[in-house]
Amino acid sequence: MLMRKGLIIFLFVVLTIMPTTVYAGNNEFIYYTNSNGVELTKQQYSNLLRGFDVDIINSMTQEMIDLYKNDGELNNYCENEAYILSDETYDVSGNLKSVKETKLTEKQAKEYLKNKKIDVSEDNSANSVTGISLLSLSNWSDTHTTAMKKITMNVTTGASVSYKSVTLTTEWLILPSIRSYDVIDLMPGSTSFTINNTCISGYQKADSTTYSYSYGSSNTKITSTGVGISMNLSNSATSSLVCSITVIFITGADPFYAYGSYQHATSTVTLSESQNYSINSGGYGGVIDFNSSVKSKYDNTSGLSVRWSLSDII
């Protein structure tokens, strides 16, 4: 009797400590769950990695993931990037007096980060740097700051090429001193497109902390011409800061053009002020057309564009 009782206790302990396996709907293991609670198998996660990085996948909505998770033809096309060095001068009251923006090659950006100087003898082709002269202070009370960012833009498509996922990402290589509501926007070149509001996502990653944005966020602005997100830059970031937006545009346009703009606030602005703009080609970066009362509070960073065509990928 004692032996039988001991066996029952042993079996209970073994069953209690055995790991519990969670299955997806098709009886496969759940390998990954993103910040929105979207569950993926290992194969589905691998499929998504063909077109998106881990931080984008982490912020995507259920609807965005459902479009691509079982798509074995997903791929990232036509990437464009820019390295931008910004030099800003402020007066004693903290008002921006002037901004100098210089486009760099990847090699020059790495050199500046290492040595705080740039070899201007290098040929930059279309974005040639003919000279780097940091702004000198106009009087003793002025202050001068330098920041650097890498802006990347790309298009991802899968088996259904009508669904074009466009991403714009800004990585701060030298963190900005002013941190308020920066604005990141996407605008398709075609006038014939559809945006499913549930297929909009974005994130701000400050060191190891990630803030996600979706169509339901008060920070997100959706218009008939494009989508933007206002992101209040985290003051807690000390080593890395990344801002990104992804929108799926439904369009049969071929070739398909898209335009992206990231505008950095050079003084403190409210969320309402940061959203006081329209989306059109006459705006900052060819996308964000701020109201005149707000325009002077942003740095007018150059925009990026990408061109996608089925003929380029088959």
Protein backbone atom coordinates (compact mmCIF):
# COMPACT_ATOMS: atom_id res chain seq x y z
CA MET A 1 0.00 0.00 0.00
CA LEU A 2 2.81 2.39 0.92
CA MET A 3 4.59 1.45 -2.31
CA ARG A 4 1.50 2.25 -4.39
CA LYS A 5 1.02 5.57 -2.59
CA GLY A 6 4.65 6.48 -3.24
CA LEU A 7 4.25 5.68 -6.94
CA ILE A 8 1.20 7.94 -7.20
CA ILE A 9 3.08 10.82 -5.55
CA PHE A 10 6.05 10.28 -7.90
CA LEU A 11 3.82 10.37 -11.00
CA PHE A 12 2.09 13.54 -9.76
CA VAL A 13 5.44 15.32 -9.29
CA VAL A 14 6.69 14.24 -12.75
CA LEU A 15 3.50 15.41 -14.48
CA THR A 16 3.57 18.70 -12.60
CA ILE A 17 7.10 19.67 -13.64
CA MET A 18 6.79 18.57 -17.28
CA PRO A 19 6.77 21.61 -19.65
CA THR A 20 3.46 22.60 -21.21
CA THR A 21 3.58 22.93 -25.00
CA VAL A 22 1.49 25.67 -26.61
CA TYR A 23 0.22 24.99 -30.10
CA ALA A 24 -0.86 27.29 -32.89
CA GLY A 25 -4.13 26.63 -34.67
CA ASN A 26 -2.50 24.18 -37.09
CA ASN A 27 -0.99 22.15 -34.22
CA GLU A 28 2.47 23.69 -34.73
CA PHE A 29 4.43 25.15 -31.84
CA ILE A 30 4.04 28.87 -31.12
CA TYR A 31 7.58 30.12 -31.64
CA TYR A 32 7.16 33.88 -31.21
CA THR A 33 4.63 36.39 -29.85
CA ASN A 34 5.00 40.08 -30.71
CA SER A 35 4.17 43.14 -28.60
CA ASN A 36 0.57 43.12 -29.88
CA GLY A 37 0.07 39.51 -28.84
CA VAL A 38 0.28 38.12 -32.39
CA GLU A 39 1.47 34.51 -32.31
CA LEU A 40 3.69 32.91 -34.96
CA THR A 41 5.15 29.51 -35.68
CA LYS A 42 8.86 29.26 -36.44
CA GLN A 43 8.16 28.98 -40.18
CA GLN A 44 5.87 32.01 -40.16
CA TYR A 45 8.46 34.03 -38.27
CA SER A 46 11.13 32.96 -40.77
CA ASN A 47 8.85 34.01 -43.64
CA LEU A 48 8.44 37.49 -42.16
CA LEU A 49 12.20 37.89 -41.64
CA ARG A 50 12.61 37.73 -45.41
CA GLY A 51 10.99 41.13 -45.68
CA PHE A 52 11.12 42.80 -42.27
CA ASP A 53 13.53 43.20 -39.38
CA VAL A 54 12.75 41.95 -35.88
CA ASP A 55 11.66 45.34 -34.52
CA ILE A 56 9.16 45.88 -37.33
CA ILE A 57 7.72 42.39 -36.83
CA ASN A 58 7.42 43.11 -33.11
CA SER A 59 5.26 46.20 -33.75
CA MET A 60 3.07 44.86 -36.60
CA THR A 61 -0.68 44.46 -36.18
CA GLN A 62 -2.51 41.14 -36.51
CA GLU A 63 -3.85 42.19 -39.92
CA MET A 64 -0.39 43.07 -41.25
CA ILE A 65 1.10 39.79 -40.09
CA ASP A 66 -1.84 37.75 -41.45
CA LEU A 67 -1.13 39.13 -44.93
CA TYR A 68 2.45 37.87 -44.97
CA LYS A 69 3.08 35.16 -42.37
CA ASN A 70 2.45 32.24 -44.76
CA ASP A 71 3.99 33.95 -47.79
CA GLY A 72 7.15 32.18 -48.91
CA GLU A 73 7.79 34.76 -51.64
CA LEU A 74 8.22 37.75 -49.34
CA ASN A 75 11.21 39.92 -50.18
CA ASN A 76 12.66 43.34 -49.46
CA TYR A 77 13.28 45.43 -52.58
CA CYS A 78 14.63 48.80 -53.73
CA GLU A 79 16.20 50.03 -50.51
CA ASN A 80 17.41 53.62 -50.32
CA GLU A 81 19.38 55.20 -47.49
CA ALA A 82 21.01 58.47 -46.48
CA TYR A 83 23.43 59.54 -43.76
CA ILE A 84 22.78 63.09 -42.61
CA LEU A 85 24.97 65.24 -40.37
CA SER A 86 23.15 68.20 -38.82
CA ASP A 87 24.84 71.18 -37.21
CA GLU A 88 22.57 73.54 -35.29
CA THR A 89 23.22 76.88 -33.63
CA TYR A 90 20.97 78.24 -30.86
CA ASP A 91 20.93 81.67 -29.23
CA VAL A 92 21.08 82.29 -25.49
CA SER A 93 17.29 81.83 -25.21
CA GLY A 94 17.45 78.43 -26.89
CA ASN A 95 15.97 79.62 -30.18
CA LEU A 96 17.28 77.95 -33.31
CA LYS A 97 19.33 80.40 -35.39
CA SER A 98 20.60 78.18 -38.19
CA VAL A 99 20.92 74.59 -39.37
CA LYS A 100 23.47 73.09 -41.72
CA GLU A 101 22.69 69.66 -43.18
CA THR A 102 25.31 67.57 -44.94
CA LYS A 103 24.67 64.28 -46.71
CA LEU A 104 27.44 61.75 -46.16
CA THR A 105 28.45 58.44 -47.62
CA GLU A 106 28.45 55.43 -45.31
CA LYS A 107 32.25 55.60 -45.22
CA GLN A 108 32.25 59.28 -44.23
CA ALA A 109 29.61 58.69 -41.55
CA LYS A 110 31.69 55.92 -39.98
CA GLU A 111 34.79 58.12 -40.14
CA TYR A 112 33.01 61.00 -38.43
CA LEU A 113 31.68 58.75 -35.67
CA LYS A 114 35.22 57.49 -35.08
CA ASN A 115 37.30 60.65 -35.50
CA LYS A 116 34.76 63.53 -35.48
CA LYS A 117 36.09 64.66 -38.84
CA ILE A 118 35.44 63.80 -42.49
CA ASP A 119 37.66 63.23 -45.50
CA VAL A 120 36.16 65.66 -48.01
CA SER A 121 38.37 64.41 -50.84
CA GLU A 122 36.12 61.37 -51.36
CA ASP A 123 33.81 61.54 -54.37
CA ASN A 124 30.20 61.12 -53.24
CA SER A 125 28.81 60.98 -56.79
CA ALA A 126 25.30 62.55 -56.71
CA ASN A 127 25.64 63.63 -53.08
CA SER A 128 29.17 64.96 -53.34
CA VAL A 129 30.47 66.71 -50.24
CA THR A 130 32.60 69.60 -51.41
CA GLY A 131 33.48 70.82 -47.95
CA ILE A 132 32.58 70.38 -44.32
CA SER A 133 32.72 73.57 -42.29
CA LEU A 134 30.95 73.38 -38.94
CA LEU A 135 29.01 76.52 -38.04
CA SER A 136 31.04 78.97 -36.03
CA LEU A 137 29.37 80.71 -33.10
CA SER A 138 28.27 84.22 -33.99
CA ASN A 139 28.78 85.43 -30.42
CA TRP A 140 29.81 84.10 -27.03
CA SER A 141 26.25 83.30 -25.90
CA ASP A 142 25.40 80.98 -28.83
CA THR A 143 25.49 77.21 -28.43
CA HIS A 144 26.23 74.63 -31.07
CA THR A 145 25.08 70.99 -31.30
CA THR A 146 25.78 68.21 -33.76
CA ALA A 147 23.62 65.17 -34.47
CA MET A 148 23.73 62.43 -37.08
CA LYS A 149 21.04 60.12 -38.40
CA LYS A 150 20.77 57.28 -40.87
CA ILE A 151 17.47 57.20 -42.77
CA THR A 152 16.47 54.04 -44.64
CA MET A 153 13.47 53.42 -46.89
CA ASN A 154 12.35 50.24 -48.64
CA VAL A 155 9.43 48.37 -50.19
CA THR A 156 8.49 44.77 -49.34
CA THR A 157 6.18 42.65 -51.49
CA GLY A 158 5.16 39.00 -51.58
CA ALA A 159 3.07 36.73 -53.75
CA SER A 160 0.40 39.42 -54.12
CA VAL A 161 2.31 42.42 -55.44
CA SER A 162 -0.71 44.70 -55.05
CA TYR A 163 0.10 44.81 -51.33
CA LYS A 164 3.17 47.04 -51.08
CA SER A 165 4.61 47.45 -47.61
CA VAL A 166 6.69 50.62 -47.31
CA THR A 167 8.99 51.28 -44.36
CA LEU A 168 10.90 54.41 -43.36
CA THR A 169 13.36 54.12 -40.48
CA THR A 170 15.55 56.73 -38.82
CA GLU A 171 18.44 55.62 -36.65
CA TRP A 172 20.16 58.31 -34.62
CA LEU A 173 23.91 57.69 -34.80
CA ILE A 174 24.61 60.77 -32.67
CA LEU A 175 21.66 61.39 -30.35
CA PRO A 176 19.87 64.76 -30.63
CA SER A 177 19.97 67.22 -27.74
CA ILE A 178 16.44 68.49 -28.42
CA ARG A 179 13.80 65.82 -27.87
CA SER A 180 10.20 66.59 -28.61
CA TYR A 181 7.66 65.40 -31.19
CA ASP A 182 9.50 64.31 -34.34
CA VAL A 183 7.33 63.46 -37.35
CA ILE A 184 7.81 60.50 -39.70
CA ASP A 185 5.58 60.18 -42.80
CA LEU A 186 5.02 58.10 -45.93
CA MET A 187 3.33 59.21 -49.14
CA PRO A 188 2.70 57.02 -52.22
CA GLY A 189 3.35 58.57 -55.61
CA SER A 190 0.27 56.99 -57.15
CA THR A 191 -3.07 58.72 -56.70
CA SER A 192 -4.84 55.35 -56.96
CA PHE A 193 -4.27 53.44 -53.73
CA THR A 194 -6.06 52.14 -50.66
CA ILE A 195 -4.90 52.18 -47.05
CA ASN A 196 -6.40 49.67 -44.65
CA ASN A 197 -6.11 51.52 -41.32
CA THR A 198 -5.28 48.27 -39.53
CA CYS A 199 -2.19 47.92 -41.74
CA ILE A 200 -0.28 50.83 -40.16
CA SER A 201 2.38 50.38 -37.50
CA GLY A 202 5.38 52.17 -36.07
CA TYR A 203 7.80 52.06 -33.20
CA GLN A 204 10.34 54.10 -31.28
CA LYS A 205 13.15 52.10 -29.71
CA ALA A 206 15.03 53.99 -27.01
CA ASP A 207 17.94 51.83 -25.85
CA SER A 208 16.15 48.58 -24.95
CA THR A 209 12.67 50.09 -24.46
CA THR A 210 10.21 49.97 -27.37
CA TYR A 211 7.14 52.18 -27.80
CA SER A 212 4.65 50.97 -30.42
CA TYR A 213 2.19 53.01 -32.50
CA SER A 214 -0.79 51.86 -34.57
CA TYR A 215 -3.74 53.33 -36.49
CA GLY A 216 -5.65 53.79 -33.23
CA SER A 217 -2.96 55.91 -31.58
CA SER A 218 -3.56 59.64 -31.15
CA ASN A 219 -0.01 60.06 -32.49
CA THR A 220 -1.01 58.67 -35.90
CA LYS A 221 -2.29 60.93 -38.67
CA ILE A 222 -4.07 59.35 -41.64
CA THR A 223 -5.00 61.45 -44.67
CA SER A 224 -6.13 60.79 -48.22
CA THR A 225 -2.56 61.32 -49.42
CA GLY A 226 -0.48 59.44 -46.84
CA VAL A 227 0.23 58.50 -43.23
CA GLY A 228 2.36 60.03 -40.48
CA ILE A 229 3.25 59.39 -36.86
CA SER A 230 4.39 61.96 -34.30
CA MET A 231 6.89 60.42 -31.87
CA ASN A 232 7.88 62.16 -28.65
CA LEU A 233 11.58 61.28 -28.48
CA SER A 234 12.47 59.54 -25.25
CA ASN A 235 14.67 61.48 -22.84
CA SER A 236 15.81 58.20 -21.31
CA ALA A 237 17.74 57.09 -24.41
CA THR A 238 21.48 57.33 -23.79
CA SER A 239 23.02 55.01 -26.38
CA SER A 240 20.53 54.33 -29.19
CA LEU A 241 17.35 55.78 -30.64
CA VAL A 242 15.40 54.45 -33.64
CA CYS A 243 12.07 55.63 -35.10
CA SER A 244 10.20 53.69 -37.79
CA ILE A 245 6.90 53.61 -39.66
CA THR A 246 5.46 50.84 -41.87
CA VAL A 247 2.34 51.17 -44.03
CA ILE A 248 0.84 48.67 -46.47
CA PHE A 249 -0.48 50.46 -49.55
CA ILE A 250 -2.86 48.50 -51.77
CA THR A 251 -2.27 49.52 -55.37
CA GLY A 252 -1.68 47.99 -58.77
CA ALA A 253 0.65 50.83 -59.78
CA ASP A 254 3.71 49.61 -61.70
CA PRO A 255 6.09 51.29 -61.38
CA PHE A 256 5.18 52.27 -57.85
CA TYR A 257 6.83 55.27 -56.21
CA ALA A 258 6.81 56.15 -52.54
CA TYR A 259 8.22 59.11 -50.64
CA GLY A 260 9.29 59.35 -47.02
CA SER A 261 10.19 62.22 -44.72
CA TYR A 262 11.52 62.40 -41.16
CA GLN A 263 11.42 65.84 -39.56
CA HIS A 264 13.21 66.54 -36.30
CA ALA A 265 11.79 69.14 -33.89
CA THR A 266 14.43 71.75 -33.10
CA SER A 267 12.41 73.16 -30.21
CA THR A 268 9.66 71.95 -27.89
CA VAL A 269 6.36 71.31 -29.67
CA THR A 270 3.05 69.81 -28.57
CA LEU A 271 1.45 66.76 -30.18
CA SER A 272 -1.17 69.04 -31.71
CA GLU A 273 1.48 71.32 -33.22
CA SER A 274 3.40 68.36 -34.62
CA GLN A 275 0.27 67.21 -36.46
CA ASN A 276 -0.50 70.62 -37.94
CA TYR A 277 0.48 69.71 -41.49
CA SER A 278 -0.78 68.28 -44.74
CA ILE A 279 0.92 65.58 -46.81
CA ASN A 280 2.01 66.75 -50.24
CA SER A 281 5.12 67.07 -52.42
CA GLY A 282 5.60 70.72 -51.50
CA GLY A 283 6.35 69.94 -47.86
CA TYR A 284 9.55 69.31 -45.93
CA GLY A 285 11.35 66.32 -47.39
CA GLY A 286 8.86 66.42 -50.24
CA VAL A 287 6.10 65.10 -47.94
CA ILE A 288 5.33 67.02 -44.72
CA ASP A 289 3.84 70.47 -45.36
CA PHE A 290 3.76 72.13 -41.93
CA ASN A 291 1.52 75.07 -41.18
CA SER A 292 3.47 78.34 -41.21
CA SER A 293 3.13 78.63 -37.43
CA VAL A 294 5.00 75.33 -36.96
CA LYS A 295 7.40 75.19 -39.89
CA SER A 296 10.26 77.03 -38.16
CA LYS A 297 10.27 74.44 -35.36
CA TYR A 298 11.49 71.61 -37.63
CA ASP A 299 14.82 71.04 -39.33
CA ASN A 300 13.68 70.46 -42.94
CA THR A 301 15.64 67.24 -43.38
CA SER A 302 15.80 65.96 -46.96
CA GLY A 303 13.41 63.15 -47.82
CA LEU A 304 13.90 59.78 -49.47
CA SER A 305 12.07 57.99 -52.28
CA VAL A 306 11.90 54.45 -53.65
CA ARG A 307 10.76 52.99 -56.95
CA TRP A 308 9.31 49.47 -57.20
CA SER A 309 8.59 47.66 -60.45
CA LEU A 310 7.71 44.02 -61.08
CA SER A 311 10.07 44.02 -64.06
CA ASP A 312 13.00 44.70 -61.72
CA ILE A 313 12.38 41.60 -59.59
CA ILE A 314 11.44 38.87 -62.07
